[in-house]
């Protein structure tokens, strides 16, 4: 069964979107509360809180703790599903602009102690980082990409219309057998390295 993407039924009309993004907010701000959902991998959740009495966010204590139904994100049982969103950092909202903000949150139990829910690994990470704050950590982003032959369909190094020898190690370095492959690959990798 094919899945129909909403964008294919209702394509985004950029002029309509731009119109609504420039409407006057009449004073208050919108705070987009963002947290990690129950499945972890790429499961970002968010919801918008309109704060009419706030003209600009200058500190975290201006952003209230909020809540959500954790049973809908696989973070709480249905019988006791309330989860609190505790703001930990905020940034200017590049989408709504103005004085609106993106609010990064950690999910905690409504127990009065701000106990992290089981899927909240941020608290442990923050505690470890606080213990070694005199150190200068390095973080890196791993780049993975697939290069294709000029036909646009065959991965570089694969035989056209087939698969590589199953006995060959896929992770082994690519052997450039032709000058044209080397000529294509070297500038591409050099460009990718400059973008890091």
C-alpha atoms as a PDB file:
ATOM      1  CA  UNK A   1       0.000   0.000   0.000  1.00  0.00           C
ATOM      2  CA  UNK A   2       1.432   3.367  -1.014  1.00  0.00           C
ATOM      3  CA  UNK A   3       1.683   6.145   1.555  1.00  0.00           C
ATOM      4  CA  UNK A   4       0.446   9.525   0.393  1.00  0.00           C
ATOM      5  CA  UNK A   5       2.481  12.432   1.719  1.00  0.00           C
ATOM      6  CA  UNK A   6       0.390  15.455   2.794  1.00  0.00           C
ATOM      7  CA  UNK A   7       2.696  17.775   0.818  1.00  0.00           C
ATOM      8  CA  UNK A   8       1.695  15.988  -2.398  1.00  0.00           C
ATOM      9  CA  UNK A   9      -2.003  16.645  -1.702  1.00  0.00           C
ATOM     10  CA  UNK A  10      -1.584  20.123  -0.244  1.00  0.00           C
ATOM     11  CA  UNK A  11       1.599  21.621  -1.674  1.00  0.00           C
ATOM     12  CA  UNK A  12       3.035  24.520   0.310  1.00  0.00           C
ATOM     13  CA  UNK A  13       2.085  27.818  -1.259  1.00  0.00           C
ATOM     14  CA  UNK A  14       5.050  29.978  -0.302  1.00  0.00           C
ATOM     15  CA  UNK A  15       3.208  33.250  -0.778  1.00  0.00           C
ATOM     16  CA  UNK A  16       0.405  32.125   1.579  1.00  0.00           C
ATOM     17  CA  UNK A  17       2.974  30.872   4.101  1.00  0.00           C
ATOM     18  CA  UNK A  18       4.873  34.195   3.913  1.00  0.00           C
ATOM     19  CA  UNK A  19       1.627  36.112   4.479  1.00  0.00           C
ATOM     20  CA  UNK A  20       0.825  34.244   7.696  1.00  0.00           C
ATOM     21  CA  UNK A  21       4.405  34.413   8.967  1.00  0.00           C
ATOM     22  CA  UNK A  22       4.343  38.226   8.740  1.00  0.00           C
ATOM     23  CA  UNK A  23       1.050  38.772  10.582  1.00  0.00           C
ATOM     24  CA  UNK A  24       1.293  41.152  13.547  1.00  0.00           C
ATOM     25  CA  UNK A  25       1.468  39.207  16.826  1.00  0.00           C
ATOM     26  CA  UNK A  26       0.076  42.126  18.825  1.00  0.00           C
ATOM     27  CA  UNK A  27       2.746  42.171  21.463  1.00  0.00           C
ATOM     28  CA  UNK A  28       3.303  38.691  22.873  1.00  0.00           C
ATOM     29  CA  UNK A  29       5.760  36.000  21.817  1.00  0.00           C
ATOM     30  CA  UNK A  30       5.497  32.410  20.671  1.00  0.00           C
ATOM     31  CA  UNK A  31       7.786  29.898  22.350  1.00  0.00           C
ATOM     32  CA  UNK A  32       8.301  26.615  20.474  1.00  0.00           C
ATOM     33  CA  UNK A  33       8.984  24.021  23.200  1.00  0.00           C
ATOM     34  CA  UNK A  34      11.131  21.195  21.767  1.00  0.00           C
ATOM     35  CA  UNK A  35      11.937  17.819  23.347  1.00  0.00           C
ATOM     36  CA  UNK A  36      12.991  14.304  22.373  1.00  0.00           C
ATOM     37  CA  UNK A  37      10.167  11.783  22.065  1.00  0.00           C
ATOM     38  CA  UNK A  38      10.036   8.235  23.356  1.00  0.00           C
ATOM     39  CA  UNK A  39      11.610   6.431  20.409  1.00  0.00           C
ATOM     40  CA  UNK A  40      14.787   8.531  20.633  1.00  0.00           C
ATOM     41  CA  UNK A  41      16.279   8.328  17.147  1.00  0.00           C
ATOM     42  CA  UNK A  42      15.280  11.541  15.425  1.00  0.00           C
ATOM     43  CA  UNK A  43      11.986  11.670  17.343  1.00  0.00           C
ATOM     44  CA  UNK A  44      11.819  15.421  17.900  1.00  0.00           C
ATOM     45  CA  UNK A  45       8.570  16.749  19.308  1.00  0.00           C
ATOM     46  CA  UNK A  46       7.391  20.306  19.747  1.00  0.00           C
ATOM     47  CA  UNK A  47       4.431  22.458  20.560  1.00  0.00           C
ATOM     48  CA  UNK A  48       3.921  26.204  20.627  1.00  0.00           C
ATOM     49  CA  UNK A  49       3.092  28.225  23.713  1.00  0.00           C
ATOM     50  CA  UNK A  50       1.782  31.747  23.127  1.00  0.00           C
ATOM     51  CA  UNK A  51       2.842  34.030  25.975  1.00  0.00           C
ATOM     52  CA  UNK A  52       0.903  37.287  25.497  1.00  0.00           C
ATOM     53  CA  UNK A  53       2.384  39.100  28.504  1.00  0.00           C
ATOM     54  CA  UNK A  54       5.997  38.501  27.445  1.00  0.00           C
ATOM     55  CA  UNK A  55       7.550  40.936  24.965  1.00  0.00           C
ATOM     56  CA  UNK A  56      11.067  39.436  24.884  1.00  0.00           C
ATOM     57  CA  UNK A  57      12.797  36.469  26.532  1.00  0.00           C
ATOM     58  CA  UNK A  58      15.961  37.472  28.350  1.00  0.00           C
ATOM     59  CA  UNK A  59      16.347  34.569  30.793  1.00  0.00           C
ATOM     60  CA  UNK A  60      15.169  30.991  31.308  1.00  0.00           C
ATOM     61  CA  UNK A  61      13.156  31.855  34.400  1.00  0.00           C
ATOM     62  CA  UNK A  62      10.743  33.818  32.165  1.00  0.00           C
ATOM     63  CA  UNK A  63       9.740  30.583  30.407  1.00  0.00           C
ATOM     64  CA  UNK A  64       7.209  28.543  32.376  1.00  0.00           C
ATOM     65  CA  UNK A  65       7.382  24.795  32.867  1.00  0.00           C
ATOM     66  CA  UNK A  66       4.764  23.271  30.581  1.00  0.00           C
ATOM     67  CA  UNK A  67       3.296  19.788  30.164  1.00  0.00           C
ATOM     68  CA  UNK A  68       2.172  17.255  27.579  1.00  0.00           C
ATOM     69  CA  UNK A  69       0.503  13.858  27.357  1.00  0.00           C
ATOM     70  CA  UNK A  70       3.424  11.420  27.539  1.00  0.00           C
ATOM     71  CA  UNK A  71       1.273   8.447  26.502  1.00  0.00           C
ATOM     72  CA  UNK A  72       1.070   9.872  22.965  1.00  0.00           C
ATOM     73  CA  UNK A  73       4.898   9.923  22.698  1.00  0.00           C
ATOM     74  CA  UNK A  74       5.542   6.514  24.342  1.00  0.00           C
ATOM     75  CA  UNK A  75       6.967   8.238  27.436  1.00  0.00           C
ATOM     76  CA  UNK A  76       4.258   7.541  30.005  1.00  0.00           C
ATOM     77  CA  UNK A  77       1.439   5.029  30.602  1.00  0.00           C
ATOM     78  CA  UNK A  78      -2.102   6.104  29.711  1.00  0.00           C
ATOM     79  CA  UNK A  79      -3.295   5.980  33.322  1.00  0.00           C
ATOM     80  CA  UNK A  80      -0.641   8.490  34.483  1.00  0.00           C
ATOM     81  CA  UNK A  81       0.452  10.322  31.373  1.00  0.00           C
ATOM     82  CA  UNK A  82       1.366  13.848  32.411  1.00  0.00           C
ATOM     83  CA  UNK A  83       4.982  14.827  31.684  1.00  0.00           C
ATOM     84  CA  UNK A  84       6.482  18.246  32.382  1.00  0.00           C
ATOM     85  CA  UNK A  85       8.663  20.182  29.948  1.00  0.00           C
ATOM     86  CA  UNK A  86      11.435  21.932  31.842  1.00  0.00           C
ATOM     87  CA  UNK A  87      13.125  24.657  29.724  1.00  0.00           C
ATOM     88  CA  UNK A  88      16.928  24.313  29.714  1.00  0.00           C
ATOM     89  CA  UNK A  89      17.955  26.676  26.905  1.00  0.00           C
ATOM     90  CA  UNK A  90      16.411  29.084  24.407  1.00  0.00           C
ATOM     91  CA  UNK A  91      17.394  30.591  21.059  1.00  0.00           C
ATOM     92  CA  UNK A  92      15.906  33.114  18.622  1.00  0.00           C
ATOM     93  CA  UNK A  93      13.344  31.414  16.380  1.00  0.00           C
ATOM     94  CA  UNK A  94      14.717  31.625  12.811  1.00  0.00           C
ATOM     95  CA  UNK A  95      11.344  30.614  11.337  1.00  0.00           C
ATOM     96  CA  UNK A  96       8.896  32.920  13.109  1.00  0.00           C
ATOM     97  CA  UNK A  97      11.571  35.562  13.719  1.00  0.00           C
ATOM     98  CA  UNK A  98      10.853  38.655  15.777  1.00  0.00           C
ATOM     99  CA  UNK A  99      11.162  38.026  19.520  1.00  0.00           C
ATOM    100  CA  UNK A 100       9.856  34.453  19.226  1.00  0.00           C
ATOM    101  CA  UNK A 101      12.061  31.690  20.618  1.00  0.00           C
ATOM    102  CA  UNK A 102      12.896  28.005  20.287  1.00  0.00           C
ATOM    103  CA  UNK A 103      12.953  26.448  23.769  1.00  0.00           C
ATOM    104  CA  UNK A 104      14.963  23.253  24.279  1.00  0.00           C
ATOM    105  CA  UNK A 105      13.435  21.226  27.105  1.00  0.00           C
ATOM    106  CA  UNK A 106      14.007  18.147  29.176  1.00  0.00           C
ATOM    107  CA  UNK A 107      11.089  15.891  30.009  1.00  0.00           C
ATOM    108  CA  UNK A 108      10.548  15.316  33.739  1.00  0.00           C
ATOM    109  CA  UNK A 109       8.031  13.693  36.059  1.00  0.00           C
ATOM    110  CA  UNK A 110       5.425  15.928  37.716  1.00  0.00           C
ATOM    111  CA  UNK A 111       6.705  14.854  41.146  1.00  0.00           C
ATOM    112  CA  UNK A 112       7.859  18.239  42.432  1.00  0.00           C
ATOM    113  CA  UNK A 113      11.515  17.131  42.175  1.00  0.00           C
ATOM    114  CA  UNK A 114      11.930  17.396  38.385  1.00  0.00           C
ATOM    115  CA  UNK A 115      12.945  13.731  38.193  1.00  0.00           C
ATOM    116  CA  UNK A 116      13.932  12.884  34.604  1.00  0.00           C
ATOM    117  CA  UNK A 117      11.620  10.446  32.854  1.00  0.00           C
ATOM    118  CA  UNK A 118      13.344   7.189  31.744  1.00  0.00           C
ATOM    119  CA  UNK A 119      13.895   8.366  28.160  1.00  0.00           C
ATOM    120  CA  UNK A 120      15.498  11.659  29.290  1.00  0.00           C
ATOM    121  CA  UNK A 121      19.239  11.092  28.908  1.00  0.00           C
ATOM    122  CA  UNK A 122      19.999  14.827  28.862  1.00  0.00           C
ATOM    123  CA  UNK A 123      20.155  15.120  32.669  1.00  0.00           C
ATOM    124  CA  UNK A 124      22.889  12.452  32.970  1.00  0.00           C
ATOM    125  CA  UNK A 125      24.849  14.025  30.125  1.00  0.00           C
ATOM    126  CA  UNK A 126      24.609  17.478  31.760  1.00  0.00           C
ATOM    127  CA  UNK A 127      25.882  16.057  35.076  1.00  0.00           C
ATOM    128  CA  UNK A 128      28.880  14.410  33.377  1.00  0.00           C
ATOM    129  CA  UNK A 129      29.695  17.582  31.430  1.00  0.00           C
ATOM    130  CA  UNK A 130      29.490  19.666  34.640  1.00  0.00           C
ATOM    131  CA  UNK A 131      32.059  17.375  36.313  1.00  0.00           C
ATOM    132  CA  UNK A 132      34.568  17.919  33.503  1.00  0.00           C
ATOM    133  CA  UNK A 133      33.741  21.525  32.579  1.00  0.00           C
ATOM    134  CA  UNK A 134      37.420  22.488  32.890  1.00  0.00           C
ATOM    135  CA  UNK A 135      38.126  20.186  29.939  1.00  0.00           C
ATOM    136  CA  UNK A 136      37.614  21.304  26.354  1.00  0.00           C
ATOM    137  CA  UNK A 137      35.497  18.614  24.684  1.00  0.00           C
ATOM    138  CA  UNK A 138      35.630  18.015  20.954  1.00  0.00           C
ATOM    139  CA  UNK A 139      32.511  17.027  19.079  1.00  0.00           C
ATOM    140  CA  UNK A 140      32.523  15.862  15.497  1.00  0.00           C
ATOM    141  CA  UNK A 141      29.947  15.147  12.869  1.00  0.00           C
ATOM    142  CA  UNK A 142      30.413  11.989  10.859  1.00  0.00           C
ATOM    143  CA  UNK A 143      29.753  12.490   7.188  1.00  0.00           C
ATOM    144  CA  UNK A 144      28.488   9.606   5.122  1.00  0.00           C
ATOM    145  CA  UNK A 145      27.638   9.899   1.486  1.00  0.00           C
ATOM    146  CA  UNK A 146      27.306   7.727  -1.581  1.00  0.00           C
ATOM    147  CA  UNK A 147      28.943   8.704  -4.841  1.00  0.00           C
ATOM    148  CA  UNK A 148      27.344   7.544  -8.056  1.00  0.00           C
ATOM    149  CA  UNK A 149      28.745   6.824 -11.470  1.00  0.00           C
ATOM    150  CA  UNK A 150      27.815   9.360 -14.193  1.00  0.00           C
ATOM    151  CA  UNK A 151      24.668   7.324 -15.021  1.00  0.00           C
ATOM    152  CA  UNK A 152      23.204   8.546 -11.706  1.00  0.00           C
ATOM    153  CA  UNK A 153      22.018   5.061 -10.712  1.00  0.00           C
ATOM    154  CA  UNK A 154      25.107   2.938 -10.085  1.00  0.00           C
ATOM    155  CA  UNK A 155      27.135   3.534  -6.914  1.00  0.00           C
ATOM    156  CA  UNK A 156      30.770   4.329  -7.684  1.00  0.00           C
ATOM    157  CA  UNK A 157      32.818   1.105  -7.641  1.00  0.00           C
ATOM    158  CA  UNK A 158      29.829  -1.175  -8.304  1.00  0.00           C
ATOM    159  CA  UNK A 159      29.322  -3.011 -11.595  1.00  0.00           C
ATOM    160  CA  UNK A 160      26.614  -1.472 -13.745  1.00  0.00           C
ATOM    161  CA  UNK A 161      23.261  -3.168 -13.210  1.00  0.00           C
ATOM    162  CA  UNK A 162      24.584  -5.488 -10.508  1.00  0.00           C
ATOM    163  CA  UNK A 163      26.036  -5.877  -7.066  1.00  0.00           C
ATOM    164  CA  UNK A 164      29.644  -6.104  -5.875  1.00  0.00           C
ATOM    165  CA  UNK A 165      31.142  -9.488  -5.092  1.00  0.00           C
ATOM    166  CA  UNK A 166      29.561 -10.578  -1.775  1.00  0.00           C
ATOM    167  CA  UNK A 167      32.952 -11.787  -0.587  1.00  0.00           C
ATOM    168  CA  UNK A 168      34.423  -8.294  -0.947  1.00  0.00           C
ATOM    169  CA  UNK A 169      34.404  -6.085   2.101  1.00  0.00           C
ATOM    170  CA  UNK A 170      31.983  -3.207   1.533  1.00  0.00           C
ATOM    171  CA  UNK A 171      33.920  -1.071   4.019  1.00  0.00           C
ATOM    172  CA  UNK A 172      37.245  -1.658   2.253  1.00  0.00           C
ATOM    173  CA  UNK A 173      38.801   1.409   0.592  1.00  0.00           C
ATOM    174  CA  UNK A 174      37.499   2.086  -2.878  1.00  0.00           C
ATOM    175  CA  UNK A 175      40.082   1.203  -5.470  1.00  0.00           C
ATOM    176  CA  UNK A 176      40.010   3.698  -8.293  1.00  0.00           C
ATOM    177  CA  UNK A 177      40.653   1.581 -11.345  1.00  0.00           C
ATOM    178  CA  UNK A 178      40.184   4.266 -13.982  1.00  0.00           C
ATOM    179  CA  UNK A 179      41.576   7.779 -14.323  1.00  0.00           C
ATOM    180  CA  UNK A 180      38.046   9.119 -14.856  1.00  0.00           C
ATOM    181  CA  UNK A 181      36.877   7.736 -11.497  1.00  0.00           C
ATOM    182  CA  UNK A 182      39.868   9.295  -9.749  1.00  0.00           C
ATOM    183  CA  UNK A 183      39.297  12.601 -11.526  1.00  0.00           C
ATOM    184  CA  UNK A 184      35.665  12.610 -10.348  1.00  0.00           C
ATOM    185  CA  UNK A 185      36.304  11.501  -6.788  1.00  0.00           C
ATOM    186  CA  UNK A 186      39.243  13.651  -5.666  1.00  0.00           C
ATOM    187  CA  UNK A 187      37.646  17.097  -6.150  1.00  0.00           C
ATOM    188  CA  UNK A 188      34.360  15.863  -4.690  1.00  0.00           C
ATOM    189  CA  UNK A 189      35.995  14.660  -1.466  1.00  0.00           C
ATOM    190  CA  UNK A 190      38.109  17.812  -1.294  1.00  0.00           C
ATOM    191  CA  UNK A 191      34.958  19.925  -1.543  1.00  0.00           C
ATOM    192  CA  UNK A 192      33.209  17.856   1.149  1.00  0.00           C
ATOM    193  CA  UNK A 193      36.196  18.348   3.471  1.00  0.00           C
ATOM    194  CA  UNK A 194      36.109  22.116   2.963  1.00  0.00           C
ATOM    195  CA  UNK A 195      32.446  22.212   3.954  1.00  0.00           C
ATOM    196  CA  UNK A 196      33.100  20.668   7.378  1.00  0.00           C
END
